[in-house]
Amino acid sequence: MDPNGIRVLRLHALRTFLCFVLVSAMCGLNCACIVPECVDSTEEVASSPDGKFIATEFIHNCGATTPYVTAVVLHPVGQTVNISNPENWVFSARGKVPIHLEWIGGKVIRVSGKLREEDVREKRREWQSVAIEYKFD
């Protein structure tokens, strides 16, 4: 093979290798940007006395690189809610926090437990027609 043919083959091999590296890097970046699969484990479920609403406490776990989150969602009976979506959380706190849900009538729920105020991330005071009270030790 003449020297020009070898040179062309080397350039072709180099181009192929660089394309492979570029595509691999792009794939690696895309994979790194994907949100990890999170697991939600239900800790407590409390139905309102009038049977219209459900409060669910759960632990949100997205793996070793993120802290646990204890959260609460409310929803009407018979309707499903995506508990993994933080927009649906009426309460959330950093870590595995022991809390308790207690309905006071059909329109008030109390979230209580032993936690520090600085660990609280979300603390709504109302949701639809339900008032939310908090009592932390």
C-alpha atoms as a PDB file:
ATOM      1  CA  MET A   1       0.000   0.000   0.000  1.00  0.00           C
ATOM      2  CA  ASP A   2       1.306   3.438  -0.843  1.00  0.00           C
ATOM      3  CA  PRO A   3       2.069   5.996   1.893  1.00  0.00           C
ATOM      4  CA  ASN A   4      -0.949   8.149   0.944  1.00  0.00           C
ATOM      5  CA  GLY A   5      -3.292   5.148   1.366  1.00  0.00           C
ATOM      6  CA  ILE A   6      -1.887   4.442   4.837  1.00  0.00           C
ATOM      7  CA  ARG A   7      -2.278   8.093   5.739  1.00  0.00           C
ATOM      8  CA  VAL A   8      -5.915   8.079   4.631  1.00  0.00           C
ATOM      9  CA  LEU A   9      -6.592   4.911   6.651  1.00  0.00           C
ATOM     10  CA  ARG A  10      -4.996   6.455   9.735  1.00  0.00           C
ATOM     11  CA  LEU A  11      -7.081   9.623   9.370  1.00  0.00           C
ATOM     12  CA  HIS A  12     -10.225   7.517   8.929  1.00  0.00           C
ATOM     13  CA  ALA A  13      -9.353   5.472  12.033  1.00  0.00           C
ATOM     14  CA  LEU A  14      -8.643   8.651  14.001  1.00  0.00           C
ATOM     15  CA  ARG A  15     -11.968  10.205  12.901  1.00  0.00           C
ATOM     16  CA  THR A  16     -13.825   7.035  13.857  1.00  0.00           C
ATOM     17  CA  PHE A  17     -12.127   6.941  17.260  1.00  0.00           C
ATOM     18  CA  LEU A  18     -12.855  10.629  17.928  1.00  0.00           C
ATOM     19  CA  CYS A  19     -16.512  10.152  16.946  1.00  0.00           C
ATOM     20  CA  PHE A  20     -16.722   7.188  19.322  1.00  0.00           C
ATOM     21  CA  VAL A  21     -15.191   9.240  22.163  1.00  0.00           C
ATOM     22  CA  LEU A  22     -17.536  12.158  21.472  1.00  0.00           C
ATOM     23  CA  VAL A  23     -20.649   9.969  21.377  1.00  0.00           C
ATOM     24  CA  SER A  24     -19.546   8.112  24.531  1.00  0.00           C
ATOM     25  CA  ALA A  25     -18.969  11.390  26.355  1.00  0.00           C
ATOM     26  CA  MET A  26     -22.378  12.713  25.310  1.00  0.00           C
ATOM     27  CA  CYS A  27     -24.058   9.517  26.446  1.00  0.00           C
ATOM     28  CA  GLY A  28     -22.199   9.670  29.744  1.00  0.00           C
ATOM     29  CA  LEU A  29     -23.297  13.259  30.311  1.00  0.00           C
ATOM     30  CA  ASN A  30     -26.890  12.417  29.498  1.00  0.00           C
ATOM     31  CA  CYS A  31     -26.839   9.444  31.858  1.00  0.00           C
ATOM     32  CA  ALA A  32     -25.396  11.597  34.631  1.00  0.00           C
ATOM     33  CA  CYS A  33     -28.198  14.134  34.218  1.00  0.00           C
ATOM     34  CA  ILE A  34     -30.989  11.598  34.574  1.00  0.00           C
ATOM     35  CA  VAL A  35     -32.857  11.921  37.861  1.00  0.00           C
ATOM     36  CA  PRO A  36     -32.260   8.822  39.969  1.00  0.00           C
ATOM     37  CA  GLU A  37     -35.088   6.411  40.595  1.00  0.00           C
ATOM     38  CA  CYS A  38     -36.596   7.302  43.964  1.00  0.00           C
ATOM     39  CA  VAL A  39     -38.388   4.983  46.341  1.00  0.00           C
ATOM     40  CA  ASP A  40     -41.235   6.099  48.600  1.00  0.00           C
ATOM     41  CA  SER A  41     -42.049   3.924  51.592  1.00  0.00           C
ATOM     42  CA  THR A  42     -45.342   4.582  53.364  1.00  0.00           C
ATOM     43  CA  GLU A  43     -45.005   5.037  57.116  1.00  0.00           C
ATOM     44  CA  GLU A  44     -48.554   6.057  58.169  1.00  0.00           C
ATOM     45  CA  VAL A  45     -51.946   6.536  56.527  1.00  0.00           C
ATOM     46  CA  ALA A  46     -54.736   8.432  58.281  1.00  0.00           C
ATOM     47  CA  SER A  47     -58.299   8.845  56.988  1.00  0.00           C
ATOM     48  CA  SER A  48     -60.327  11.871  58.034  1.00  0.00           C
ATOM     49  CA  PRO A  49     -63.262  11.106  60.383  1.00  0.00           C
ATOM     50  CA  ASP A  50     -65.760  12.174  57.721  1.00  0.00           C
ATOM     51  CA  GLY A  51     -64.127   9.768  55.232  1.00  0.00           C
ATOM     52  CA  LYS A  52     -63.405  12.475  52.636  1.00  0.00           C
ATOM     53  CA  PHE A  53     -59.616  12.802  52.829  1.00  0.00           C
ATOM     54  CA  ILE A  54     -56.509  10.696  53.319  1.00  0.00           C
ATOM     55  CA  ALA A  55     -53.180  11.843  54.733  1.00  0.00           C
ATOM     56  CA  THR A  56     -50.136   9.751  53.915  1.00  0.00           C
ATOM     57  CA  GLU A  57     -46.744  10.020  55.584  1.00  0.00           C
ATOM     58  CA  PHE A  58     -43.832   8.474  53.708  1.00  0.00           C
ATOM     59  CA  ILE A  59     -40.048   8.406  53.466  1.00  0.00           C
ATOM     60  CA  HIS A  60     -38.686   9.651  50.121  1.00  0.00           C
ATOM     61  CA  ASN A  61     -35.356   7.972  49.255  1.00  0.00           C
ATOM     62  CA  CYS A  62     -33.412   8.834  46.106  1.00  0.00           C
ATOM     63  CA  GLY A  63     -30.257   6.908  46.910  1.00  0.00           C
ATOM     64  CA  ALA A  64     -26.943   7.375  48.621  1.00  0.00           C
ATOM     65  CA  THR A  65     -26.145  10.815  47.217  1.00  0.00           C
ATOM     66  CA  THR A  66     -29.275  12.542  48.569  1.00  0.00           C
ATOM     67  CA  PRO A  67     -30.693  12.708  52.088  1.00  0.00           C
ATOM     68  CA  TYR A  68     -33.906  10.982  53.089  1.00  0.00           C
ATOM     69  CA  VAL A  69     -37.001  13.189  53.236  1.00  0.00           C
ATOM     70  CA  THR A  70     -40.038  12.590  55.441  1.00  0.00           C
ATOM     71  CA  ALA A  71     -43.122  13.978  53.702  1.00  0.00           C
ATOM     72  CA  VAL A  72     -46.916  14.133  53.936  1.00  0.00           C
ATOM     73  CA  VAL A  73     -49.469  14.346  51.143  1.00  0.00           C
ATOM     74  CA  LEU A  74     -53.229  14.875  51.349  1.00  0.00           C
ATOM     75  CA  HIS A  75     -55.752  13.757  48.786  1.00  0.00           C
ATOM     76  CA  PRO A  76     -59.477  13.087  48.473  1.00  0.00           C
ATOM     77  CA  VAL A  77     -60.589   9.483  48.991  1.00  0.00           C
ATOM     78  CA  GLY A  78     -60.829   7.697  45.644  1.00  0.00           C
ATOM     79  CA  GLN A  79     -58.268   9.906  43.915  1.00  0.00           C
ATOM     80  CA  THR A  80     -54.654   8.969  43.429  1.00  0.00           C
ATOM     81  CA  VAL A  81     -51.770  11.368  43.922  1.00  0.00           C
ATOM     82  CA  ASN A  82     -48.162  11.176  42.806  1.00  0.00           C
ATOM     83  CA  ILE A  83     -46.414  11.179  46.187  1.00  0.00           C
ATOM     84  CA  SER A  84     -42.984  11.365  44.505  1.00  0.00           C
ATOM     85  CA  ASN A  85     -43.741  14.860  43.214  1.00  0.00           C
ATOM     86  CA  PRO A  86     -42.659  17.443  45.824  1.00  0.00           C
ATOM     87  CA  GLU A  87     -45.333  19.842  44.541  1.00  0.00           C
ATOM     88  CA  ASN A  88     -47.918  17.534  46.161  1.00  0.00           C
ATOM     89  CA  TRP A  89     -46.251  17.580  49.584  1.00  0.00           C
ATOM     90  CA  VAL A  90     -47.974  19.598  52.319  1.00  0.00           C
ATOM     91  CA  PHE A  91     -45.151  18.854  54.747  1.00  0.00           C
ATOM     92  CA  SER A  92     -41.566  17.750  54.334  1.00  0.00           C
ATOM     93  CA  ALA A  93     -38.509  17.534  56.554  1.00  0.00           C
ATOM     94  CA  ARG A  94     -34.917  16.502  55.985  1.00  0.00           C
ATOM     95  CA  GLY A  95     -34.138  12.996  57.227  1.00  0.00           C
ATOM     96  CA  LYS A  96     -36.134  10.079  58.589  1.00  0.00           C
ATOM     97  CA  VAL A  97     -38.237  11.960  61.118  1.00  0.00           C
ATOM     98  CA  PRO A  98     -40.726  10.199  63.427  1.00  0.00           C
ATOM     99  CA  ILE A  99     -43.977  12.100  62.985  1.00  0.00           C
ATOM    100  CA  HIS A 100     -47.613  11.335  63.718  1.00  0.00           C
ATOM    101  CA  LEU A 101     -50.768  12.289  61.798  1.00  0.00           C
ATOM    102  CA  GLU A 102     -53.917  13.044  63.769  1.00  0.00           C
ATOM    103  CA  TRP A 103     -57.244  14.248  62.357  1.00  0.00           C
ATOM    104  CA  ILE A 104     -59.140  16.723  64.525  1.00  0.00           C
ATOM    105  CA  GLY A 105     -62.558  16.654  62.939  1.00  0.00           C
ATOM    106  CA  GLY A 106     -62.953  16.317  59.192  1.00  0.00           C
ATOM    107  CA  LYS A 107     -61.228  19.578  58.274  1.00  0.00           C
ATOM    108  CA  VAL A 108     -58.133  19.786  60.495  1.00  0.00           C
ATOM    109  CA  ILE A 109     -55.096  17.522  60.581  1.00  0.00           C
ATOM    110  CA  ARG A 110     -52.223  17.792  63.046  1.00  0.00           C
ATOM    111  CA  VAL A 111     -48.684  16.789  62.128  1.00  0.00           C
ATOM    112  CA  SER A 112     -46.636  16.237  65.277  1.00  0.00           C
ATOM    113  CA  GLY A 113     -43.274  14.797  66.168  1.00  0.00           C
ATOM    114  CA  LYS A 114     -39.787  15.281  67.450  1.00  0.00           C
ATOM    115  CA  LEU A 115     -37.853  17.359  64.984  1.00  0.00           C
ATOM    116  CA  ARG A 116     -35.934  20.581  64.692  1.00  0.00           C
ATOM    117  CA  GLU A 117     -37.545  23.527  62.927  1.00  0.00           C
ATOM    118  CA  GLU A 118     -34.425  23.941  60.755  1.00  0.00           C
ATOM    119  CA  ASP A 119     -35.015  20.474  59.256  1.00  0.00           C
ATOM    120  CA  VAL A 120     -38.491  21.459  58.003  1.00  0.00           C
ATOM    121  CA  ARG A 121     -38.552  22.201  54.284  1.00  0.00           C
ATOM    122  CA  GLU A 122     -42.276  22.488  53.508  1.00  0.00           C
ATOM    123  CA  LYS A 123     -44.996  23.386  55.989  1.00  0.00           C
ATOM    124  CA  ARG A 124     -48.276  24.394  54.391  1.00  0.00           C
ATOM    125  CA  ARG A 125     -51.013  25.723  56.644  1.00  0.00           C
ATOM    126  CA  GLU A 126     -53.885  24.619  54.434  1.00  0.00           C
ATOM    127  CA  TRP A 127     -54.720  22.360  51.551  1.00  0.00           C
ATOM    128  CA  GLN A 128     -58.053  22.683  49.746  1.00  0.00           C
ATOM    129  CA  SER A 129     -60.570  22.859  52.629  1.00  0.00           C
ATOM    130  CA  VAL A 130     -58.256  21.206  55.193  1.00  0.00           C
ATOM    131  CA  ALA A 131     -56.353  23.230  57.805  1.00  0.00           C
ATOM    132  CA  ILE A 132     -52.960  21.829  58.831  1.00  0.00           C
ATOM    133  CA  GLU A 133     -51.614  22.263  62.365  1.00  0.00           C
ATOM    134  CA  TYR A 134     -48.109  21.461  63.542  1.00  0.00           C
ATOM    135  CA  LYS A 135     -46.780  20.486  66.960  1.00  0.00           C
ATOM    136  CA  PHE A 136     -43.046  19.784  67.204  1.00  0.00           C
ATOM    137  CA  ASP A 137     -41.205  18.805  70.379  1.00  0.00           C
END
